[in-house]
Amino acid sequence: MSESKQPLRIGVLWEFDPDKVSHPETNEALRHAAASLSTDIEIDWVDTEGLTAETAPDRPAAYDGFFAPPGFPANLAGGIEGIRYARESGKPFAGT
């Protein structure tokens, strides 16, 4: 991977559950995409429990983009706040 670039930081806006097949596969898909772009990647699963309209800008501000995997987060309102933050801040967002 490239040593001259900072790693791409992706916030996954749900709680990681290793029992959901799509969650480990989400990590693999993101790593595969980064490898095809010859860049490093840091993947953080963002806990939606603490995301509110007031805290959403503080917690995910350091991410370069966001992804929402299949399913529902533990706190749907927090997940929606994370998505709203991504949209309103102009950060890239993709979801399934």
N, C-alpha and C. Protein backbone atom coordinates (compact mmCIF):
# COMPACT_ATOMS: atom_id res chain seq x y z
N MET A 1 0.83 -1.18 0.00
CA MET A 1 0.00 0.00 0.00
C MET A 1 0.88 1.25 0.00
N SER A 2 0.28 2.33 -0.35
CA SER A 2 1.01 3.58 -0.45
C SER A 2 1.45 4.08 0.92
N GLU A 3 2.72 4.47 1.03
CA GLU A 3 3.21 5.01 2.29
C GLU A 3 3.14 6.52 2.30
N SER A 4 2.89 7.15 1.16
CA SER A 4 2.90 8.60 1.08
C SER A 4 1.54 9.22 1.42
N LYS A 5 0.49 8.43 1.44
CA LYS A 5 -0.84 8.95 1.70
C LYS A 5 -1.33 8.54 3.07
N GLN A 6 -2.18 9.38 3.64
CA GLN A 6 -2.88 9.01 4.87
C GLN A 6 -3.89 7.94 4.52
N PRO A 7 -4.16 7.03 5.45
CA PRO A 7 -5.19 6.02 5.16
C PRO A 7 -6.56 6.67 5.04
N LEU A 8 -7.38 6.08 4.22
CA LEU A 8 -8.76 6.50 4.07
C LEU A 8 -9.51 6.03 5.31
N ARG A 9 -10.20 6.94 6.00
CA ARG A 9 -10.94 6.57 7.22
C ARG A 9 -12.42 6.49 6.89
N ILE A 10 -12.99 5.29 7.05
CA ILE A 10 -14.40 5.06 6.76
C ILE A 10 -15.13 4.73 8.06
N GLY A 11 -16.20 5.45 8.32
CA GLY A 11 -17.05 5.17 9.47
C GLY A 11 -18.25 4.35 9.01
N VAL A 12 -18.40 3.17 9.59
CA VAL A 12 -19.55 2.33 9.28
C VAL A 12 -20.59 2.60 10.36
N LEU A 13 -21.73 3.14 9.96
CA LEU A 13 -22.71 3.67 10.90
C LEU A 13 -23.66 2.63 11.48
N TRP A 14 -23.15 1.63 12.09
CA TRP A 14 -23.94 0.61 12.77
C TRP A 14 -23.02 -0.04 13.77
N GLU A 15 -23.57 -0.85 14.65
CA GLU A 15 -22.76 -1.60 15.60
C GLU A 15 -22.32 -2.90 14.94
N PHE A 16 -21.04 -3.23 15.11
CA PHE A 16 -20.52 -4.45 14.49
C PHE A 16 -21.06 -5.67 15.22
N ASP A 17 -21.58 -6.62 14.46
CA ASP A 17 -22.09 -7.87 15.00
C ASP A 17 -21.47 -9.01 14.18
N PRO A 18 -20.48 -9.72 14.75
CA PRO A 18 -19.80 -10.76 13.98
C PRO A 18 -20.72 -11.91 13.57
N ASP A 19 -21.90 -12.02 14.21
CA ASP A 19 -22.84 -13.08 13.85
C ASP A 19 -23.66 -12.75 12.60
N LYS A 20 -23.65 -11.50 12.19
CA LYS A 20 -24.33 -11.11 10.95
C LYS A 20 -23.31 -11.24 9.82
N VAL A 21 -23.55 -12.16 8.93
CA VAL A 21 -22.59 -12.46 7.85
C VAL A 21 -22.20 -11.19 7.09
N SER A 22 -23.15 -10.30 6.89
CA SER A 22 -22.85 -9.10 6.10
C SER A 22 -21.85 -8.17 6.78
N HIS A 23 -21.72 -8.22 8.11
CA HIS A 23 -20.82 -7.29 8.79
C HIS A 23 -19.34 -7.62 8.53
N PRO A 24 -18.87 -8.85 8.78
CA PRO A 24 -17.48 -9.14 8.42
C PRO A 24 -17.23 -8.98 6.91
N GLU A 25 -18.24 -9.32 6.11
CA GLU A 25 -18.09 -9.17 4.66
C GLU A 25 -18.02 -7.70 4.24
N THR A 26 -18.66 -6.82 5.00
CA THR A 26 -18.55 -5.37 4.75
C THR A 26 -17.10 -4.94 4.91
N ASN A 27 -16.46 -5.37 5.99
CA ASN A 27 -15.05 -5.03 6.19
C ASN A 27 -14.20 -5.54 5.04
N GLU A 28 -14.43 -6.78 4.62
CA GLU A 28 -13.65 -7.35 3.52
C GLU A 28 -13.88 -6.58 2.22
N ALA A 29 -15.11 -6.20 1.95
CA ALA A 29 -15.42 -5.45 0.73
C ALA A 29 -14.72 -4.09 0.74
N LEU A 30 -14.73 -3.41 1.88
CA LEU A 30 -14.05 -2.12 1.98
C LEU A 30 -12.54 -2.27 1.81
N ARG A 31 -11.96 -3.32 2.40
CA ARG A 31 -10.52 -3.57 2.23
C ARG A 31 -10.18 -3.89 0.78
N HIS A 32 -11.04 -4.67 0.15
CA HIS A 32 -10.83 -5.03 -1.26
C HIS A 32 -10.88 -3.77 -2.14
N ALA A 33 -11.85 -2.91 -1.89
CA ALA A 33 -11.96 -1.67 -2.66
C ALA A 33 -10.72 -0.80 -2.47
N ALA A 34 -10.26 -0.67 -1.23
CA ALA A 34 -9.07 0.13 -0.95
C ALA A 34 -7.84 -0.46 -1.65
N ALA A 35 -7.71 -1.77 -1.63
CA ALA A 35 -6.57 -2.41 -2.29
C ALA A 35 -6.59 -2.15 -3.79
N SER A 36 -7.79 -2.17 -4.38
CA SER A 36 -7.87 -1.92 -5.82
C SER A 36 -7.51 -0.48 -6.16
N LEU A 37 -7.63 0.41 -5.16
CA LEU A 37 -7.25 1.81 -5.36
C LEU A 37 -5.84 2.10 -4.87
N SER A 38 -5.14 1.05 -4.43
CA SER A 38 -3.78 1.16 -3.90
C SER A 38 -3.69 2.17 -2.76
N THR A 39 -4.64 2.09 -1.85
CA THR A 39 -4.61 2.96 -0.69
C THR A 39 -4.87 2.15 0.58
N ASP A 40 -4.42 2.67 1.68
CA ASP A 40 -4.69 2.04 2.97
C ASP A 40 -6.06 2.50 3.46
N ILE A 41 -6.65 1.71 4.36
CA ILE A 41 -7.97 2.05 4.87
C ILE A 41 -8.03 1.74 6.36
N GLU A 42 -8.72 2.60 7.09
CA GLU A 42 -9.06 2.36 8.49
C GLU A 42 -10.58 2.29 8.54
N ILE A 43 -11.11 1.20 9.12
CA ILE A 43 -12.55 1.00 9.21
C ILE A 43 -12.95 1.06 10.67
N ASP A 44 -13.86 1.97 11.00
CA ASP A 44 -14.41 2.07 12.35
C ASP A 44 -15.91 1.86 12.27
N TRP A 45 -16.41 0.98 13.11
CA TRP A 45 -17.86 0.80 13.23
C TRP A 45 -18.30 1.81 14.30
N VAL A 46 -19.14 2.76 13.91
CA VAL A 46 -19.56 3.85 14.78
C VAL A 46 -20.82 3.43 15.54
N ASP A 47 -20.71 3.37 16.85
CA ASP A 47 -21.84 3.01 17.71
C ASP A 47 -22.91 4.10 17.62
N THR A 48 -24.10 3.72 17.21
CA THR A 48 -25.17 4.71 17.03
C THR A 48 -25.87 5.09 18.34
N GLU A 49 -25.60 4.36 19.41
CA GLU A 49 -26.28 4.64 20.68
C GLU A 49 -26.08 6.08 21.14
N GLY A 50 -24.90 6.62 20.95
CA GLY A 50 -24.62 7.97 21.43
C GLY A 50 -24.78 9.06 20.39
N LEU A 51 -25.19 8.71 19.18
CA LEU A 51 -25.32 9.73 18.14
C LEU A 51 -26.67 10.43 18.26
N THR A 52 -26.59 11.74 18.43
CA THR A 52 -27.78 12.59 18.45
C THR A 52 -27.51 13.77 17.53
N ALA A 53 -28.48 14.63 17.34
CA ALA A 53 -28.28 15.83 16.52
C ALA A 53 -27.13 16.67 17.07
N GLU A 54 -26.95 16.66 18.39
CA GLU A 54 -25.89 17.46 19.01
C GLU A 54 -24.52 16.79 18.91
N THR A 55 -24.47 15.46 19.01
CA THR A 55 -23.17 14.78 19.06
C THR A 55 -22.70 14.25 17.71
N ALA A 56 -23.60 14.08 16.75
CA ALA A 56 -23.20 13.50 15.46
C ALA A 56 -22.04 14.25 14.81
N PRO A 57 -22.05 15.59 14.78
CA PRO A 57 -20.91 16.27 14.15
C PRO A 57 -19.59 16.06 14.89
N ASP A 58 -19.63 15.82 16.20
CA ASP A 58 -18.39 15.65 16.96
C ASP A 58 -17.75 14.29 16.74
N ARG A 59 -18.53 13.24 16.75
CA ARG A 59 -17.98 11.88 16.70
C ARG A 59 -17.48 11.49 15.32
N PRO A 60 -18.25 11.64 14.26
CA PRO A 60 -17.75 11.16 12.97
C PRO A 60 -16.98 12.19 12.14
N ALA A 61 -16.66 13.36 12.69
CA ALA A 61 -16.02 14.42 11.92
C ALA A 61 -14.68 14.00 11.32
N ALA A 62 -13.98 13.07 11.94
CA ALA A 62 -12.65 12.68 11.46
C ALA A 62 -12.68 11.69 10.30
N TYR A 63 -13.85 11.25 9.88
CA TYR A 63 -13.94 10.26 8.81
C TYR A 63 -13.97 10.91 7.44
N ASP A 64 -13.41 10.17 6.46
CA ASP A 64 -13.41 10.64 5.07
C ASP A 64 -14.71 10.29 4.36
N GLY A 65 -15.42 9.30 4.84
CA GLY A 65 -16.67 8.87 4.24
C GLY A 65 -17.37 7.89 5.15
N PHE A 66 -18.60 7.55 4.80
CA PHE A 66 -19.43 6.69 5.64
C PHE A 66 -20.12 5.61 4.81
N PHE A 67 -20.42 4.50 5.50
CA PHE A 67 -21.16 3.42 4.87
C PHE A 67 -22.17 2.90 5.88
N ALA A 68 -23.36 2.58 5.42
CA ALA A 68 -24.38 1.94 6.26
C ALA A 68 -24.64 0.55 5.69
N PRO A 69 -24.32 -0.50 6.47
CA PRO A 69 -24.50 -1.87 6.00
C PRO A 69 -25.96 -2.30 6.09
N PRO A 70 -26.28 -3.48 5.60
CA PRO A 70 -27.65 -3.98 5.70
C PRO A 70 -28.08 -4.13 7.16
N GLY A 71 -29.37 -3.99 7.38
CA GLY A 71 -29.93 -4.17 8.72
C GLY A 71 -30.22 -2.85 9.38
N PHE A 72 -30.53 -2.93 10.66
CA PHE A 72 -30.86 -1.74 11.44
C PHE A 72 -29.89 -1.58 12.58
N PRO A 73 -29.49 -0.34 12.88
CA PRO A 73 -28.60 -0.11 14.01
C PRO A 73 -29.36 -0.28 15.33
N ALA A 74 -28.62 -0.38 16.42
CA ALA A 74 -29.24 -0.49 17.74
C ALA A 74 -30.10 0.74 18.02
N ASN A 75 -29.66 1.89 17.56
CA ASN A 75 -30.38 3.14 17.76
C ASN A 75 -30.67 3.72 16.38
N LEU A 76 -31.85 3.46 15.86
CA LEU A 76 -32.19 3.93 14.51
C LEU A 76 -32.07 5.44 14.40
N ALA A 77 -32.52 6.18 15.41
CA ALA A 77 -32.42 7.64 15.37
C ALA A 77 -30.96 8.07 15.29
N GLY A 78 -30.07 7.38 16.00
CA GLY A 78 -28.64 7.69 15.94
C GLY A 78 -28.07 7.40 14.56
N GLY A 79 -28.49 6.28 13.97
CA GLY A 79 -28.05 5.95 12.61
C GLY A 79 -28.48 7.02 11.62
N ILE A 80 -29.70 7.48 11.76
CA ILE A 80 -30.22 8.53 10.87
C ILE A 80 -29.44 9.83 11.09
N GLU A 81 -29.09 10.14 12.33
CA GLU A 81 -28.29 11.35 12.60
C GLU A 81 -26.91 11.25 11.95
N GLY A 82 -26.30 10.06 11.99
CA GLY A 82 -25.01 9.88 11.33
C GLY A 82 -25.11 10.07 9.83
N ILE A 83 -26.18 9.54 9.24
CA ILE A 83 -26.41 9.71 7.80
C ILE A 83 -26.66 11.18 7.48
N ARG A 84 -27.47 11.85 8.30
CA ARG A 84 -27.75 13.27 8.09
C ARG A 84 -26.45 14.08 8.14
N TYR A 85 -25.60 13.78 9.13
CA TYR A 85 -24.33 14.48 9.24
C TYR A 85 -23.50 14.30 7.97
N ALA A 86 -23.41 13.06 7.50
CA ALA A 86 -22.62 12.79 6.29
C ALA A 86 -23.17 13.59 5.11
N ARG A 87 -24.47 13.60 4.96
CA ARG A 87 -25.10 14.31 3.84
C ARG A 87 -24.88 15.81 3.95
N GLU A 88 -25.12 16.38 5.12
CA GLU A 88 -25.03 17.83 5.29
C GLU A 88 -23.61 18.34 5.31
N SER A 89 -22.64 17.49 5.65
CA SER A 89 -21.25 17.93 5.67
C SER A 89 -20.55 17.71 4.33
N GLY A 90 -21.26 17.07 3.40
CA GLY A 90 -20.67 16.81 2.09
C GLY A 90 -19.73 15.62 2.06
N LYS A 91 -19.74 14.81 3.11
CA LYS A 91 -18.88 13.62 3.13
C LYS A 91 -19.53 12.53 2.29
N PRO A 92 -18.75 11.74 1.59
CA PRO A 92 -19.31 10.64 0.81
C PRO A 92 -20.04 9.65 1.71
N PHE A 93 -21.17 9.15 1.22
CA PHE A 93 -21.98 8.19 1.96
C PHE A 93 -22.54 7.16 0.99
N ALA A 94 -22.48 5.90 1.41
CA ALA A 94 -23.12 4.83 0.64
C ALA A 94 -23.81 3.92 1.64
N GLY A 95 -24.90 3.34 1.24
CA GLY A 95 -25.62 2.43 2.12
C GLY A 95 -26.35 1.40 1.32
N THR A 96 -26.75 0.34 2.01
CA THR A 96 -27.50 -0.71 1.34
C THR A 96 -28.89 -0.79 1.91
